[in-house]
Amino acid sequence: MERETRDDRGLLQVLLGDGRPLLLFSGLILVLSGGFALFLSASKHFLPHDVHYLGMTAEQLCKIQDCRIVYFMFHDRVAFGGALISIGALYMWLAEFPLRQRKAWAWWLFIVSGISGFGSFLAYLGYGYLDTWHGVATLLLFPCFIVGLIRSRTLLEEPRGIRSLFNPGVRPRWLSSFGIGRALFLATAAGMIAGGFTVMTFGMTRVFVPQDLAFMGLARTDLQAISDRLIPLIAHDRAGFGGAICTAGITVFFSVWCGAPSRSLWQILCFSGLVGFVAAIGVHPIVGYNDLLHLAPAIAGAAMFIAGLALSWKPMMENKTEESRDQ
């Protein structure tokens, strides 16, 4: 009769694993947070701390200027929710595929995108509204993220340095179907980084562009007359949305640049792009904010991303890409 093998592993050791479960959990929390933001916006409700800070509910604010202020705020929050879902899904892919394969670039991408994402919370220093719920959620998620990174560090193959983030996963012929599609992905991601950083900067400083005020039919002085806390609250939404878009752009860019063409990479790009662009663009006709100049960058980015998906579908699904002959 065989002696039963004794399992001396600790519960915490099993739950933490090699760090990837914590990173998967971080991605899942971001997906759920994004979904919650979409739900709140669809139901036209502010969070309790928003109501407490502003001194009025969304329903009360909706009675002013045909609800345009509330619609404007929700259009930012829907786009923010879509961006969070995209980032969370990409994080789950990074943890389950390239990091599981011991790719150092995936670990460094968590670092770089995490600095962008968690760091964007500090944008409140520019607009003055400390979102306590956001702050508590960040403080709870941050240790989970950090411990996941520390434990997963041992997985990495050599070389482990940050320079791995700048090595392309494949060197396709640029004029091939996959090469053009890949270039469109990278260009879209670069646009997201630039656009997100710009929106975050505006959120910390000017807050509005002329099209925003034209949609609401109000001047800054009108908004300040309603409540001297209204603009800081809107600025908080703008800066958070901009930080999320910038982080999503960083994650997409390096996932495409460093990642090997595969079925899973195409699928996660399709999902994250679909959610992100549908949320960012689709909310505009719903709230009536249809200024084409305002929508042009997002529409152009979506068109490029869809073209990238179409051109790269067959090569990535079949894992057949034409390598550049000069490499």
Protein backbone atom coordinates (compact mmCIF):
# COMPACT_ATOMS: atom_id res chain seq x y z
CA MET A 1 0.00 0.00 0.00
CA GLU A 2 1.45 3.33 -1.08
CA ARG A 3 2.04 5.93 1.57
CA GLU A 4 -0.02 9.08 1.04
CA THR A 5 2.11 12.00 -0.09
CA ARG A 6 2.11 14.85 2.39
CA ASP A 7 1.39 18.30 1.01
CA ASP A 8 3.30 20.84 3.11
CA ARG A 9 2.46 23.82 0.96
CA GLY A 10 0.96 26.80 2.78
CA LEU A 11 -2.42 28.19 1.75
CA LEU A 12 -1.01 31.64 1.02
CA GLN A 13 1.79 30.13 -1.07
CA VAL A 14 -0.73 28.27 -3.21
CA LEU A 15 -3.02 31.29 -3.64
CA LEU A 16 -0.17 33.62 -4.58
CA GLY A 17 1.44 31.04 -6.86
CA ASP A 18 4.10 32.43 -9.15
CA GLY A 19 2.53 35.90 -9.05
CA ARG A 20 0.47 35.49 -12.19
CA PRO A 21 -2.78 34.78 -10.27
CA LEU A 22 -2.43 38.19 -8.61
CA LEU A 23 -1.87 39.89 -11.96
CA LEU A 24 -4.84 38.02 -13.43
CA PHE A 25 -6.89 39.17 -10.45
CA SER A 26 -5.74 42.78 -11.01
CA GLY A 27 -6.91 42.56 -14.61
CA LEU A 28 -10.24 41.09 -13.54
CA ILE A 29 -10.81 43.88 -11.02
CA LEU A 30 -10.17 46.47 -13.74
CA VAL A 31 -12.68 44.74 -16.04
CA LEU A 32 -15.31 44.68 -13.26
CA SER A 33 -14.59 48.32 -12.36
CA GLY A 34 -15.04 49.34 -15.98
CA GLY A 35 -18.30 47.42 -16.16
CA PHE A 36 -19.50 49.15 -12.99
CA ALA A 37 -18.69 52.56 -14.50
CA LEU A 38 -20.75 51.67 -17.57
CA PHE A 39 -23.64 50.48 -15.38
CA LEU A 40 -23.70 53.66 -13.30
CA SER A 41 -23.63 55.85 -16.40
CA ALA A 42 -26.42 53.85 -18.08
CA SER A 43 -28.55 54.18 -14.93
CA LYS A 44 -27.73 57.93 -14.66
CA HIS A 45 -26.42 57.80 -11.11
CA PHE A 46 -23.46 59.42 -9.39
CA LEU A 47 -21.47 57.56 -6.77
CA PRO A 48 -22.32 58.54 -3.17
CA HIS A 49 -19.05 60.38 -2.66
CA ASP A 50 -19.68 62.40 -5.84
CA VAL A 51 -23.11 63.41 -4.51
CA HIS A 52 -21.61 64.31 -1.14
CA TYR A 53 -18.85 66.38 -2.73
CA LEU A 54 -21.09 68.16 -5.25
CA GLY A 55 -24.05 68.61 -2.95
CA MET A 56 -26.57 67.40 -5.51
CA THR A 57 -27.62 64.20 -7.23
CA ALA A 58 -27.42 63.46 -10.94
CA GLU A 59 -31.20 63.83 -11.10
CA GLN A 60 -31.04 67.29 -9.59
CA LEU A 61 -28.21 68.38 -11.89
CA CYS A 62 -30.11 66.93 -14.84
CA LYS A 63 -32.79 69.61 -14.41
CA ILE A 64 -30.30 72.25 -15.53
CA GLN A 65 -29.71 72.96 -19.25
CA ASP A 66 -31.72 69.96 -20.51
CA CYS A 67 -29.43 67.53 -18.66
CA ARG A 68 -26.49 68.47 -20.91
CA ILE A 69 -24.02 68.71 -17.99
CA VAL A 70 -24.89 65.23 -16.75
CA TYR A 71 -24.74 63.82 -20.29
CA PHE A 72 -21.31 65.36 -20.74
CA MET A 73 -20.08 63.83 -17.49
CA PHE A 74 -21.49 60.41 -18.36
CA HIS A 75 -19.92 60.50 -21.82
CA ASP A 76 -16.51 60.78 -20.13
CA ARG A 77 -17.36 58.04 -17.64
CA VAL A 78 -18.56 55.61 -20.31
CA ALA A 79 -15.33 56.11 -22.26
CA PHE A 80 -13.37 55.64 -19.01
CA GLY A 81 -15.23 52.41 -18.28
CA GLY A 82 -14.51 51.05 -21.75
CA ALA A 83 -10.82 51.88 -21.38
CA LEU A 84 -10.64 50.10 -18.00
CA ILE A 85 -12.20 46.96 -19.47
CA SER A 86 -9.69 47.06 -22.33
CA ILE A 87 -6.72 47.43 -19.97
CA GLY A 88 -7.97 44.69 -17.66
CA ALA A 89 -8.50 42.26 -20.54
CA LEU A 90 -5.03 42.98 -21.91
CA TYR A 91 -3.52 42.45 -18.44
CA MET A 92 -5.20 39.05 -18.21
CA TRP A 93 -3.81 38.11 -21.61
CA LEU A 94 -0.33 39.29 -20.65
CA ALA A 95 -0.37 37.20 -17.47
CA GLU A 96 -1.77 34.05 -19.06
CA PHE A 97 0.20 34.02 -22.32
CA PRO A 98 3.54 35.89 -22.69
CA LEU A 99 4.32 36.02 -18.95
CA ARG A 100 3.47 32.34 -18.61
CA GLN A 101 5.95 31.77 -21.45
CA ARG A 102 8.54 33.65 -19.32
CA LYS A 103 8.77 36.66 -21.64
CA ALA A 104 10.56 39.49 -19.85
CA TRP A 105 8.94 42.17 -22.01
CA ALA A 106 5.49 41.26 -20.61
CA TRP A 107 6.73 41.81 -17.04
CA TRP A 108 8.19 45.18 -17.95
CA LEU A 109 4.99 46.15 -19.75
CA PHE A 110 3.13 45.60 -16.49
CA ILE A 111 5.63 47.96 -14.84
CA VAL A 112 5.42 50.73 -17.45
CA SER A 113 1.65 50.61 -17.91
CA GLY A 114 1.18 50.33 -14.14
CA ILE A 115 3.18 53.52 -13.60
CA SER A 116 0.94 55.26 -16.13
CA GLY A 117 -2.30 53.85 -14.73
CA PHE A 118 -1.67 54.15 -11.01
CA GLY A 119 0.27 57.38 -11.50
CA SER A 120 -2.65 59.05 -13.27
CA PHE A 121 -4.51 59.03 -9.94
CA LEU A 122 -2.13 61.78 -8.82
CA ALA A 123 -3.65 64.05 -11.46
CA TYR A 124 -6.05 65.14 -8.70
CA LEU A 125 -3.22 67.42 -7.51
CA GLY A 126 -3.98 69.53 -10.59
CA TYR A 127 -7.76 69.76 -10.22
CA GLY A 128 -8.11 69.58 -6.44
CA TYR A 129 -10.74 66.84 -6.03
CA LEU A 130 -9.51 63.84 -4.05
CA ASP A 131 -11.81 60.96 -5.02
CA THR A 132 -11.74 58.90 -1.81
CA TRP A 133 -13.38 55.83 -3.36
CA HIS A 134 -10.90 55.87 -6.24
CA GLY A 135 -8.09 56.36 -3.74
CA VAL A 136 -9.15 53.44 -1.54
CA ALA A 137 -9.59 51.16 -4.57
CA THR A 138 -6.13 52.15 -5.81
CA LEU A 139 -4.56 51.49 -2.40
CA LEU A 140 -6.20 48.05 -2.23
CA LEU A 141 -5.28 47.00 -5.76
CA PHE A 142 -1.74 48.40 -5.76
CA PRO A 143 -0.26 45.90 -3.23
CA CYS A 144 -1.84 43.00 -5.13
CA PHE A 145 -0.28 44.29 -8.34
CA ILE A 146 3.15 44.83 -6.74
CA VAL A 147 3.27 41.42 -5.02
CA GLY A 148 2.27 39.79 -8.30
CA LEU A 149 5.17 41.52 -10.03
CA ILE A 150 7.65 40.60 -7.31
CA ARG A 151 6.72 36.90 -7.32
CA SER A 152 6.56 36.65 -11.11
CA ARG A 153 10.02 38.20 -11.53
CA THR A 154 11.58 34.75 -11.01
CA LEU A 155 9.76 33.43 -14.08
CA LEU A 156 11.60 35.60 -16.57
CA GLU A 157 14.00 34.21 -19.11
CA GLU A 158 17.25 36.00 -19.87
CA PRO A 159 17.79 38.79 -20.68
CA ARG A 160 15.55 40.23 -17.99
CA GLY A 161 16.29 43.92 -18.50
CA ILE A 162 13.90 46.61 -19.66
CA ARG A 163 15.61 46.58 -23.07
CA SER A 164 13.53 43.48 -23.81
CA LEU A 165 10.57 45.84 -24.14
CA PHE A 166 12.15 47.43 -27.21
CA ASN A 167 12.95 44.24 -29.09
CA PRO A 168 10.30 43.44 -31.74
CA GLY A 169 8.66 40.07 -31.39
CA VAL A 170 8.70 39.65 -35.15
CA ARG A 171 10.23 41.54 -38.08
CA PRO A 172 7.63 41.34 -40.85
CA ARG A 173 7.88 42.77 -44.31
CA TRP A 174 6.26 46.16 -43.86
CA LEU A 175 4.39 45.95 -47.16
CA SER A 176 2.96 42.52 -46.41
CA SER A 177 -0.62 42.17 -45.19
CA PHE A 178 0.53 41.53 -41.65
CA GLY A 179 3.19 44.24 -41.81
CA ILE A 180 0.64 46.89 -42.79
CA GLY A 181 -1.86 45.64 -40.21
CA ARG A 182 0.79 45.69 -37.50
CA ALA A 183 1.81 49.22 -38.47
CA LEU A 184 -1.84 50.34 -38.21
CA PHE A 185 -2.09 48.83 -34.71
CA LEU A 186 1.08 50.63 -33.63
CA ALA A 187 -0.05 53.95 -35.13
CA THR A 188 -3.44 53.68 -33.43
CA ALA A 189 -1.81 52.88 -30.09
CA ALA A 190 0.59 55.82 -30.47
CA GLY A 191 -2.41 58.06 -31.15
CA MET A 192 -4.11 56.76 -28.02
CA ILE A 193 -1.02 57.53 -25.93
CA ALA A 194 -0.80 61.08 -27.30
CA GLY A 195 -4.55 61.68 -27.11
CA GLY A 196 -4.88 60.24 -23.61
CA PHE A 197 -1.98 62.30 -22.31
CA THR A 198 -3.51 65.43 -23.88
CA VAL A 199 -6.93 64.78 -22.32
CA MET A 200 -5.34 64.10 -18.91
CA THR A 201 -3.34 67.33 -19.17
CA PHE A 202 -6.45 69.30 -20.13
CA GLY A 203 -8.29 67.68 -17.23
CA MET A 204 -5.67 69.00 -14.84
CA THR A 205 -5.60 72.49 -16.38
CA ARG A 206 -8.14 73.90 -18.86
CA VAL A 207 -10.60 70.99 -18.46
CA PHE A 208 -12.72 71.90 -21.51
CA VAL A 209 -12.22 72.42 -25.22
CA PRO A 210 -14.59 74.85 -27.00
CA GLN A 211 -16.73 71.97 -28.36
CA ASP A 212 -17.41 70.77 -24.80
CA LEU A 213 -18.81 74.11 -23.67
CA ALA A 214 -20.76 74.45 -26.92
CA PHE A 215 -22.42 71.06 -26.29
CA MET A 216 -23.43 72.03 -22.75
CA GLY A 217 -24.47 75.52 -23.91
CA LEU A 218 -22.73 77.06 -20.91
CA ALA A 219 -19.61 79.05 -20.13
CA ARG A 220 -17.16 78.21 -17.34
CA THR A 221 -18.65 81.00 -15.24
CA ASP A 222 -22.09 79.41 -15.62
CA LEU A 223 -20.77 76.08 -14.39
CA GLN A 224 -19.04 77.77 -11.44
CA ALA A 225 -22.29 79.53 -10.59
CA ILE A 226 -24.09 76.20 -10.33
CA SER A 227 -21.45 74.92 -7.89
CA ASP A 228 -17.85 75.85 -7.29
CA ARG A 229 -17.17 72.10 -7.06
CA LEU A 230 -18.67 71.15 -10.39
CA ILE A 231 -15.63 71.89 -12.57
CA PRO A 232 -13.20 70.01 -10.26
CA LEU A 233 -15.53 66.99 -10.38
CA ILE A 234 -15.68 67.12 -14.18
CA ALA A 235 -11.90 67.62 -14.30
CA HIS A 236 -11.50 64.46 -12.21
CA ASP A 237 -13.49 62.51 -14.80
CA ARG A 238 -11.52 64.00 -17.69
CA ALA A 239 -8.12 63.33 -16.15
CA GLY A 240 -9.07 59.77 -15.18
CA PHE A 241 -10.38 59.06 -18.67
CA GLY A 242 -7.24 60.51 -20.26
CA GLY A 243 -4.97 58.46 -18.01
CA ALA A 244 -6.87 55.28 -18.86
CA ILE A 245 -6.67 55.92 -22.61
CA CYS A 246 -2.94 56.62 -22.36
CA THR A 247 -2.40 53.41 -20.36
CA ALA A 248 -4.47 51.38 -22.82
CA GLY A 249 -2.40 52.81 -25.68
CA ILE A 250 0.87 51.85 -23.98
CA THR A 251 -0.38 48.32 -23.33
CA VAL A 252 -1.61 47.83 -26.90
CA PHE A 253 1.55 49.30 -28.43
CA PHE A 254 4.02 47.03 -26.67
CA SER A 255 1.77 43.97 -26.86
CA VAL A 256 1.81 44.37 -30.64
CA TRP A 257 5.48 45.39 -30.88
CA CYS A 258 6.86 42.65 -28.63
CA GLY A 259 4.25 39.93 -28.98
CA ALA A 260 4.57 37.07 -31.41
CA PRO A 261 1.66 36.84 -33.88
CA SER A 262 -0.89 34.40 -32.50
CA ARG A 263 -4.58 33.60 -32.35
CA SER A 264 -4.81 34.82 -28.73
CA LEU A 265 -3.13 38.15 -29.51
CA TRP A 266 -5.52 38.87 -32.37
CA GLN A 267 -8.50 37.91 -30.21
CA ILE A 268 -7.51 40.11 -27.28
CA LEU A 269 -6.79 43.04 -29.60
CA CYS A 270 -10.20 42.54 -31.21
CA PHE A 271 -11.98 42.41 -27.86
CA SER A 272 -10.17 45.32 -26.22
CA GLY A 273 -10.44 47.47 -29.35
CA LEU A 274 -14.12 46.70 -29.81
CA VAL A 275 -14.99 47.53 -26.21
CA GLY A 276 -12.83 50.64 -26.06
CA PHE A 277 -13.90 52.23 -29.34
CA VAL A 278 -17.58 51.29 -29.05
CA ALA A 279 -17.70 52.89 -25.60
CA ALA A 280 -15.73 56.00 -26.61
CA ILE A 281 -17.58 56.62 -29.88
CA GLY A 282 -20.96 55.00 -29.30
CA VAL A 283 -21.82 57.11 -26.26
CA HIS A 284 -21.72 60.34 -28.29
CA PRO A 285 -24.87 59.84 -30.40
CA ILE A 286 -26.64 58.51 -27.28
CA VAL A 287 -26.05 61.77 -25.38
CA GLY A 288 -26.29 63.95 -28.50
CA TYR A 289 -22.65 65.11 -28.56
CA ASN A 290 -22.09 64.70 -32.30
CA ASP A 291 -19.47 67.31 -33.08
CA LEU A 292 -17.41 65.79 -35.92
CA LEU A 293 -14.24 67.69 -35.03
CA HIS A 294 -14.44 66.27 -31.51
CA LEU A 295 -15.12 62.74 -32.79
CA ALA A 296 -12.65 62.73 -35.69
CA PRO A 297 -9.59 61.38 -33.80
CA ALA A 298 -11.57 58.50 -32.26
CA ILE A 299 -13.25 57.63 -35.57
CA ALA A 300 -9.91 57.71 -37.40
CA GLY A 301 -8.34 55.53 -34.70
CA ALA A 302 -11.21 53.03 -34.88
CA ALA A 303 -10.98 52.85 -38.68
CA MET A 304 -7.23 52.20 -38.52
CA PHE A 305 -7.68 49.59 -35.80
CA ILE A 306 -10.40 47.75 -37.72
CA ALA A 307 -8.24 47.79 -40.85
CA GLY A 308 -5.36 46.38 -38.77
CA LEU A 309 -7.61 43.58 -37.51
CA ALA A 310 -8.75 42.74 -41.03
CA LEU A 311 -5.24 42.73 -42.52
CA SER A 312 -3.68 40.72 -39.70
CA TRP A 313 -6.50 38.22 -39.17
CA LYS A 314 -5.32 35.43 -41.45
CA PRO A 315 -1.56 35.77 -40.73
CA MET A 316 -2.13 35.84 -36.95
CA MET A 317 -4.73 33.08 -36.91
CA GLU A 318 -2.52 30.82 -39.01
CA ASN A 319 0.70 32.18 -37.48
CA LYS A 320 2.13 32.75 -40.95
CA THR A 321 3.95 36.05 -41.40
CA GLU A 322 6.45 37.02 -44.03
CA GLU A 323 9.77 37.89 -42.44
CA SER A 324 11.77 40.82 -43.70
CA ARG A 325 14.63 39.63 -45.91
CA ASP A 326 17.05 42.26 -44.71
CA GLN A 327 17.06 40.95 -41.12
